């Protein structure tokens, strides 16, 4: 992407947006430091630049690394933001936004982070201090409804001696992620001791890319009305130590499903008298069933039984011995669960957003299991 068009940066990126991307003055342990200047001076000093949209954006390398070979529908959900405000506190790290994709409840950002050749990476275990988060005023962020994660897709040593980390970053929200402003923020590189008990900052600074989402939303919103017992378990109990006796059954009503090739969101309501149960337990038991009988499961979800060992939840709400060799083309790779209530006597509105490690064949989905409740999508 070319770092040009400062005039557009001044006229199209809002003041609040730029100020949020810029953050506050901090002390850094890098060789180059910056000071807080008025927005106009920052722009003219090239501390903030604008990148024009490039459409279509080619994310084939990143999509294949993140989701495998088949990503025809995901290609339709990709884009490049019209404007990207960039900030860097030094040349040790460079951030480059490769493109974005998503639906109404999940946004994915692909970023290259390059560590300059002059910065020799430590031989010990180290990690990048990366975050993807909404910007704006506190009541615009809705931070309590967001969950985020990131992972490394590839690591490349470049001819000039620099090292590039290709990363996938994602954020989910029950309130929806469209028409919002976001920032990728890097705080440097952390080094972990051999036993993982402590960490130190090897390189500290502040590098930021701020942008707005503008991809095509392919989400299907499906109203449903399914009641049943939501399965919950005390989050303090480790997954491998759970038994069926630890399960709590909570009456709930599922009222909406949101589905795209990237994610499935299931939204439910729990009456006020059962609110304490759902607030004290994590919902478990998630699966997606396809027309050919394939069951897509969450690979980290199971309970332990004294007689049979590990048991995995089936889509019909029953359990069977787990077979770690059993795989489908798609797995549930991540879950974002949570919820909230508007008052003591009001219902609790909960949700689960399932993310997948391959493109989801949405036309083949016939049922979804969420918290042990089976939601049929077949027409009567």
Protein backbone atom coordinates (compact mmCIF):
# COMPACT_ATOMS: atom_id res chain seq x y z
CA UNK A 1 0.00 0.00 0.00
CA UNK A 2 1.36 3.48 -0.83
CA UNK A 3 1.59 6.09 1.87
CA UNK A 4 0.08 9.07 0.02
CA UNK A 5 -2.84 11.46 -0.11
CA UNK A 6 -2.32 13.59 2.99
CA UNK A 7 -5.12 15.92 1.85
CA UNK A 8 -7.63 13.07 2.16
CA UNK A 9 -6.26 12.27 5.60
CA UNK A 10 -7.01 15.80 6.73
CA UNK A 11 -10.49 15.97 5.25
CA UNK A 12 -11.84 12.40 5.57
CA UNK A 13 -10.46 11.04 8.82
CA UNK A 14 -12.38 12.55 11.75
CA UNK A 15 -10.60 14.41 14.53
CA UNK A 16 -11.87 12.02 17.20
CA UNK A 17 -10.73 9.08 15.08
CA UNK A 18 -7.21 10.46 14.64
CA UNK A 19 -6.88 11.50 18.26
CA UNK A 20 -7.90 8.03 19.42
CA UNK A 21 -5.44 6.42 17.04
CA UNK A 22 -2.73 8.72 18.30
CA UNK A 23 -3.33 7.85 21.97
CA UNK A 24 -1.53 9.59 24.80
CA UNK A 25 2.13 10.43 25.32
CA UNK A 26 4.08 7.57 26.87
CA UNK A 27 7.70 6.85 27.80
CA UNK A 28 9.35 4.43 25.41
CA UNK A 29 12.52 2.37 25.46
CA UNK A 30 13.26 2.70 21.78
CA UNK A 31 15.93 4.78 20.17
CA UNK A 32 13.48 7.10 18.45
CA UNK A 33 10.84 8.98 20.39
CA UNK A 34 7.95 11.21 19.41
CA UNK A 35 6.02 13.95 21.15
CA UNK A 36 2.33 14.77 21.02
CA UNK A 37 1.64 17.51 18.47
CA UNK A 38 -1.57 19.07 17.17
CA UNK A 39 -3.31 16.90 14.59
CA UNK A 40 -2.48 19.18 11.66
CA UNK A 41 1.24 19.18 12.54
CA UNK A 42 1.21 15.43 12.87
CA UNK A 43 -0.27 15.15 9.40
CA UNK A 44 2.24 17.52 7.83
CA UNK A 45 5.07 15.77 9.63
CA UNK A 46 3.88 12.51 8.03
CA UNK A 47 3.22 10.94 11.38
CA UNK A 48 -0.29 10.19 10.18
CA UNK A 49 -0.85 9.25 6.55
CA UNK A 50 -3.75 8.07 4.48
CA UNK A 51 -3.91 5.04 2.25
CA UNK A 52 -6.50 4.91 -0.50
CA UNK A 53 -8.73 1.91 -0.95
CA UNK A 54 -7.51 -0.81 -3.31
CA UNK A 55 -10.37 -2.87 -4.68
CA UNK A 56 -10.41 -5.70 -5.14
CA UNK A 57 -7.84 -6.58 -2.48
CA UNK A 58 -5.94 -9.85 -2.97
CA UNK A 59 -5.73 -11.70 0.35
CA UNK A 60 -5.19 -15.17 -1.15
CA UNK A 61 -2.00 -15.82 0.81
CA UNK A 62 -3.59 -14.79 4.11
CA UNK A 63 -6.92 -16.52 3.52
CA UNK A 64 -5.19 -19.79 2.60
CA UNK A 65 -2.96 -19.60 5.67
CA UNK A 66 -5.92 -18.87 7.94
CA UNK A 67 -8.75 -20.89 6.37
CA UNK A 68 -7.23 -23.43 3.95
CA UNK A 69 -7.63 -23.79 0.19
CA UNK A 70 -11.37 -23.19 -0.20
CA UNK A 71 -12.29 -19.54 0.38
CA UNK A 72 -14.52 -18.55 -2.55
CA UNK A 73 -17.24 -16.99 -0.39
CA UNK A 74 -14.72 -15.40 1.96
CA UNK A 75 -13.17 -13.63 -1.05
CA UNK A 76 -16.45 -11.74 -1.45
CA UNK A 77 -16.17 -10.42 2.12
CA UNK A 78 -12.74 -8.77 1.77
CA UNK A 79 -11.90 -5.09 1.30
CA UNK A 80 -9.36 -2.36 1.95
CA UNK A 81 -10.45 0.61 4.09
CA UNK A 82 -10.77 3.93 2.27
CA UNK A 83 -8.50 5.67 4.77
CA UNK A 84 -5.86 4.36 7.13
CA UNK A 85 -4.32 6.63 9.74
CA UNK A 86 -0.86 5.40 10.69
CA UNK A 87 1.35 6.28 13.60
CA UNK A 88 4.85 5.09 14.43
CA UNK A 89 7.11 5.90 17.37
CA UNK A 90 10.22 4.52 15.66
CA UNK A 91 11.64 2.61 12.73
CA UNK A 92 12.19 -0.59 14.71
CA UNK A 93 8.71 -1.86 13.77
CA UNK A 94 6.57 -1.21 10.71
CA UNK A 95 2.86 -2.09 10.49
CA UNK A 96 1.17 -2.63 7.12
CA UNK A 97 -2.55 -3.28 6.73
CA UNK A 98 -3.02 -5.90 4.00
CA UNK A 99 -6.83 -5.97 4.06
CA UNK A 100 -9.95 -6.62 6.12
CA UNK A 101 -12.93 -8.97 5.98
CA UNK A 102 -15.90 -9.85 8.14
CA UNK A 103 -19.64 -9.94 8.70
CA UNK A 104 -22.06 -8.18 11.03
CA UNK A 105 -20.59 -9.66 14.23
CA UNK A 106 -16.98 -10.56 13.40
CA UNK A 107 -14.23 -8.50 11.79
CA UNK A 108 -10.89 -9.92 10.67
CA UNK A 109 -7.83 -7.78 9.95
CA UNK A 110 -4.71 -9.05 8.17
CA UNK A 111 -1.54 -7.19 9.12
CA UNK A 112 2.15 -7.52 8.31
CA UNK A 113 4.42 -6.51 11.21
CA UNK A 114 8.05 -6.08 10.14
CA UNK A 115 10.91 -5.86 12.64
CA UNK A 116 13.81 -3.91 11.14
CA UNK A 117 17.17 -5.51 10.41
CA UNK A 118 18.84 -3.28 13.03
CA UNK A 119 16.71 -4.92 15.75
CA UNK A 120 18.09 -8.38 16.47
CA UNK A 121 15.28 -10.56 17.76
CA UNK A 122 16.04 -12.44 20.99
CA UNK A 123 16.76 -16.16 20.87
CA UNK A 124 14.53 -16.71 23.90
CA UNK A 125 10.76 -17.13 23.66
CA UNK A 126 9.18 -13.84 22.65
CA UNK A 127 5.77 -12.54 21.63
CA UNK A 128 4.40 -9.51 19.83
CA UNK A 129 2.30 -7.13 21.95
CA UNK A 130 -0.59 -6.76 19.48
CA UNK A 131 -4.17 -5.60 20.01
CA UNK A 132 -7.19 -4.96 17.81
CA UNK A 133 -9.75 -2.74 19.49
CA UNK A 134 -12.53 -0.25 18.74
CA UNK A 135 -11.77 3.46 18.96
CA UNK A 136 -13.96 6.46 19.69
CA UNK A 137 -15.64 7.62 22.88
CA UNK A 138 -16.34 5.11 25.69
CA UNK A 139 -20.08 4.86 24.96
CA UNK A 140 -19.28 4.23 21.29
CA UNK A 141 -16.81 1.44 22.01
CA UNK A 142 -19.14 -0.85 23.91
CA UNK A 143 -16.01 -2.54 25.21
CA UNK A 144 -17.88 -4.97 27.45
CA UNK A 145 -19.42 -6.64 24.41
CA UNK A 146 -16.18 -7.18 22.49
CA UNK A 147 -13.84 -10.16 22.39
CA UNK A 148 -10.64 -10.21 20.35
CA UNK A 149 -7.74 -12.49 19.45
CA UNK A 150 -4.79 -12.69 17.09
CA UNK A 151 -2.46 -15.30 15.66
CA UNK A 152 0.67 -15.56 13.54
CA UNK A 153 0.14 -16.97 10.03
CA UNK A 154 3.70 -16.83 8.70
CA UNK A 155 7.16 -15.57 9.59
CA UNK A 156 9.52 -14.44 6.80
CA UNK A 157 13.17 -13.35 6.95
CA UNK A 158 13.55 -10.73 4.23
CA UNK A 159 16.64 -10.19 2.01
CA UNK A 160 17.51 -6.98 3.87
CA UNK A 161 17.64 -8.87 7.20
CA UNK A 162 14.30 -7.68 8.54
CA UNK A 163 11.67 -10.16 9.73
CA UNK A 164 8.00 -9.96 8.74
CA UNK A 165 5.22 -11.53 10.84
CA UNK A 166 2.01 -12.02 8.86
CA UNK A 167 -0.86 -11.90 11.35
CA UNK A 168 -4.59 -12.48 11.50
CA UNK A 169 -6.46 -10.39 14.07
CA UNK A 170 -10.16 -10.71 14.85
CA UNK A 171 -12.77 -9.03 16.99
CA UNK A 172 -16.35 -10.07 17.76
CA UNK A 173 -19.31 -8.18 19.21
CA UNK A 174 -22.89 -9.08 20.00
CA UNK A 175 -23.79 -5.45 19.25
CA UNK A 176 -22.38 -5.65 15.73
CA UNK A 177 -19.07 -4.45 14.36
CA UNK A 178 -20.10 -2.63 11.16
CA UNK A 179 -19.84 1.15 10.72
CA UNK A 180 -17.26 1.31 13.50
CA UNK A 181 -13.71 2.60 13.84
CA UNK A 182 -10.87 0.32 14.89
CA UNK A 183 -7.16 0.38 15.57
CA UNK A 184 -4.40 -2.21 15.38
CA UNK A 185 -1.95 -1.34 18.13
CA UNK A 186 1.53 -2.76 18.75
CA UNK A 187 3.25 -2.03 22.04
CA UNK A 188 6.51 -3.79 21.17
CA UNK A 189 8.01 -7.22 21.79
CA UNK A 190 7.93 -9.17 25.05
CA UNK A 191 10.45 -11.83 26.09
CA UNK A 192 9.33 -14.77 28.21
CA UNK A 193 11.59 -16.58 30.67
CA UNK A 194 12.20 -20.25 30.01
CA UNK A 195 9.63 -21.40 32.57
CA UNK A 196 7.07 -18.88 31.30
CA UNK A 197 6.66 -17.42 34.79
CA UNK A 198 7.71 -13.87 33.95
CA UNK A 199 8.23 -11.56 31.01
CA UNK A 200 10.23 -8.48 30.17
CA UNK A 201 9.87 -5.87 27.44
CA UNK A 202 12.59 -6.38 24.85
CA UNK A 203 11.32 -3.52 22.70
CA UNK A 204 8.70 -0.99 23.74
CA UNK A 205 7.00 1.67 21.70
CA UNK A 206 3.70 2.57 20.11
CA UNK A 207 2.73 1.69 16.55
CA UNK A 208 -0.87 2.17 15.38
CA UNK A 209 -3.06 1.70 12.32
CA UNK A 210 -6.56 3.21 12.59
CA UNK A 211 -9.33 2.59 10.06
CA UNK A 212 -13.05 2.03 9.47
CA UNK A 213 -14.70 -1.18 8.25
CA UNK A 214 -16.22 -1.16 4.76
CA UNK A 215 -16.50 -4.77 3.54
CA UNK A 216 -19.64 -6.41 2.14
CA UNK A 217 -21.72 -8.02 4.88
CA UNK A 218 -23.06 -11.46 3.86
CA UNK A 219 -24.74 -12.22 7.20
CA UNK A 220 -28.09 -13.97 7.21
CA UNK A 221 -30.24 -13.00 10.20
CA UNK A 222 -32.62 -15.86 11.03
CA UNK A 223 -35.37 -15.31 13.66
CA UNK A 224 -36.02 -18.48 15.68
CA UNK A 225 -38.03 -19.44 18.74
CA UNK A 226 -36.50 -22.46 20.47
CA UNK A 227 -36.67 -23.14 24.21
CA UNK A 228 -34.62 -25.64 26.16
CA UNK A 229 -32.05 -26.11 28.90
CA UNK A 230 -28.80 -24.28 28.32
CA UNK A 231 -25.84 -26.31 29.57
CA UNK A 232 -23.45 -24.43 31.83
CA UNK A 233 -20.38 -25.26 33.87
CA UNK A 234 -18.32 -23.44 36.49
CA UNK A 235 -15.47 -21.71 34.58
CA UNK A 236 -13.08 -22.53 37.44
CA UNK A 237 -13.26 -26.23 36.51
CA UNK A 238 -10.71 -27.11 33.85
CA UNK A 239 -12.20 -28.68 30.69
CA UNK A 240 -10.31 -31.94 31.18
CA UNK A 241 -11.58 -32.20 34.78
CA UNK A 242 -15.30 -31.62 34.10
CA UNK A 243 -17.77 -34.40 34.81
CA UNK A 244 -21.44 -34.63 33.92
CA UNK A 245 -22.26 -33.93 37.57
CA UNK A 246 -20.72 -30.46 37.12
CA UNK A 247 -23.23 -29.46 34.42
CA UNK A 248 -25.93 -26.92 35.28
CA UNK A 249 -29.14 -26.78 33.21
CA UNK A 250 -30.60 -23.30 32.73
CA UNK A 251 -33.99 -22.69 31.03
CA UNK A 252 -33.44 -20.40 28.04
CA UNK A 253 -35.07 -19.16 24.84
CA UNK A 254 -33.03 -18.87 21.62
CA UNK A 255 -34.48 -16.03 19.54
CA UNK A 256 -31.97 -15.32 16.75
CA UNK A 257 -29.21 -16.87 14.63
CA UNK A 258 -26.76 -14.82 12.56
CA UNK A 259 -24.76 -16.82 10.02
CA UNK A 260 -22.12 -16.16 7.37
CA UNK A 261 -19.24 -18.15 5.81
CA UNK A 262 -17.06 -16.73 8.59
CA UNK A 263 -19.11 -17.12 11.78
CA UNK A 264 -22.36 -18.19 13.41
CA UNK A 265 -23.91 -16.19 16.25
CA UNK A 266 -26.62 -17.64 18.48
CA UNK A 267 -28.57 -15.26 20.74
CA UNK A 268 -30.67 -16.33 23.71
CA UNK A 269 -32.65 -14.96 26.66
CA UNK A 270 -32.75 -16.24 30.25
CA UNK A 271 -35.53 -15.04 32.57
CA UNK A 272 -34.63 -12.96 35.62
CA UNK A 273 -35.19 -15.78 38.13
CA UNK A 274 -32.46 -17.88 36.45
CA UNK A 275 -30.09 -15.02 35.81
CA UNK A 276 -27.70 -15.93 38.63
CA UNK A 277 -27.16 -19.38 37.14
CA UNK A 278 -26.15 -18.14 33.70
CA UNK A 279 -23.99 -15.37 35.13
CA UNK A 280 -22.07 -17.86 37.28
CA UNK A 281 -21.53 -20.54 34.61
CA UNK A 282 -20.08 -20.73 31.11
CA UNK A 283 -22.31 -22.17 28.39
CA UNK A 284 -20.87 -25.29 26.75
CA UNK A 285 -22.00 -27.72 24.08
CA UNK A 286 -21.57 -26.22 20.61
CA UNK A 287 -21.80 -27.94 17.22
CA UNK A 288 -22.99 -27.37 13.65
CA UNK A 289 -24.58 -30.16 11.58
CA UNK A 290 -24.42 -30.19 7.77
CA UNK A 291 -26.84 -31.79 5.32
CA UNK A 292 -24.51 -34.75 4.65
CA UNK A 293 -24.42 -35.61 8.36
CA UNK A 294 -21.05 -33.98 9.11
CA UNK A 295 -20.92 -32.55 12.63
CA UNK A 296 -18.62 -29.57 13.12
CA UNK A 297 -17.52 -29.50 16.76
CA UNK A 298 -15.49 -27.31 19.05
CA UNK A 299 -12.32 -29.36 19.42
CA UNK A 300 -11.57 -28.11 22.94
CA UNK A 301 -14.90 -29.03 24.46
CA UNK A 302 -15.35 -32.28 26.36
CA UNK A 303 -16.06 -33.70 29.81
CA UNK A 304 -14.48 -36.61 31.68
CA UNK A 305 -16.40 -39.75 32.64
CA UNK A 306 -15.09 -42.34 35.13
CA UNK A 307 -16.07 -45.29 32.90
CA UNK A 308 -15.59 -43.99 29.37
CA UNK A 309 -12.86 -41.38 29.76
CA UNK A 310 -13.30 -38.28 27.63
CA UNK A 311 -16.81 -37.63 26.29
CA UNK A 312 -17.73 -35.18 23.56
CA UNK A 313 -21.12 -33.52 23.14
CA UNK A 314 -23.17 -34.64 20.13
CA UNK A 315 -25.53 -32.39 18.20
CA UNK A 316 -28.56 -34.14 19.74
CA UNK A 317 -27.43 -33.18 23.24
CA UNK A 318 -26.04 -36.62 24.14
CA UNK A 319 -22.44 -37.56 24.85
CA UNK A 320 -20.15 -40.14 23.28
CA UNK A 321 -16.50 -41.20 23.77
CA UNK A 322 -14.21 -38.63 22.15
CA UNK A 323 -12.18 -39.67 19.13
CA UNK A 324 -9.34 -37.22 18.66
CA UNK A 325 -8.63 -38.64 15.19
CA UNK A 326 -12.13 -37.77 13.96
CA UNK A 327 -11.99 -34.58 11.93
CA UNK A 328 -14.17 -32.69 9.48
CA UNK A 329 -13.06 -30.14 6.89
CA UNK A 330 -14.20 -27.41 9.26
CA UNK A 331 -13.86 -27.06 13.02
CA UNK A 332 -15.09 -24.47 15.48
CA UNK A 333 -11.78 -22.78 16.21
CA UNK A 334 -13.00 -20.15 18.68
CA UNK A 335 -15.95 -19.11 20.80
CA UNK A 336 -16.92 -15.67 22.02
CA UNK A 337 -19.59 -16.00 24.70
CA UNK A 338 -21.10 -13.49 27.07
CA UNK A 339 -24.15 -11.39 27.75
CA UNK A 340 -25.71 -8.85 30.04
CA UNK A 341 -28.86 -7.46 31.58
CA UNK A 342 -30.49 -4.04 31.82
CA UNK A 343 -31.61 -4.37 35.43
CA UNK A 344 -32.22 -6.62 38.40
CA UNK A 345 -35.69 -7.70 37.30
CA UNK A 346 -34.85 -7.80 33.59
CA UNK A 347 -33.93 -10.92 31.56
CA UNK A 348 -30.33 -11.82 30.78
CA UNK A 349 -29.47 -11.65 27.06
CA UNK A 350 -26.64 -13.99 26.17
CA UNK A 351 -24.82 -14.94 23.01
CA UNK A 352 -22.22 -17.20 21.50
CA UNK A 353 -20.29 -16.32 18.34
CA UNK A 354 -18.60 -19.35 16.76
CA UNK A 355 -15.58 -18.82 14.52
CA UNK A 356 -14.32 -21.47 12.09
CA UNK A 357 -10.93 -22.57 10.78
CA UNK A 358 -12.27 -22.98 7.21
CA UNK A 359 -15.01 -21.45 5.10
CA UNK A 360 -18.41 -22.52 6.42
CA UNK A 361 -20.77 -23.95 3.75
CA UNK A 362 -23.77 -21.95 4.96
CA UNK A 363 -26.21 -23.47 2.46
CA UNK A 364 -25.49 -26.93 3.92
CA UNK A 365 -26.15 -26.07 7.59
CA UNK A 366 -29.29 -27.88 8.82
CA UNK A 367 -28.96 -27.42 12.59
CA UNK A 368 -26.90 -25.63 15.22
CA UNK A 369 -26.29 -26.77 18.78
CA UNK A 370 -25.59 -23.95 21.23
CA UNK A 371 -25.24 -24.60 24.93
CA UNK A 372 -26.73 -28.06 24.28
CA UNK A 373 -29.90 -26.57 22.71
CA UNK A 374 -30.52 -27.82 19.15
CA UNK A 375 -31.80 -25.19 16.69
CA UNK A 376 -33.13 -26.72 13.46
CA UNK A 377 -32.83 -24.59 10.32
CA UNK A 378 -34.70 -27.02 8.10
CA UNK A 379 -37.96 -25.72 6.69
CA UNK A 380 -41.06 -27.48 8.01
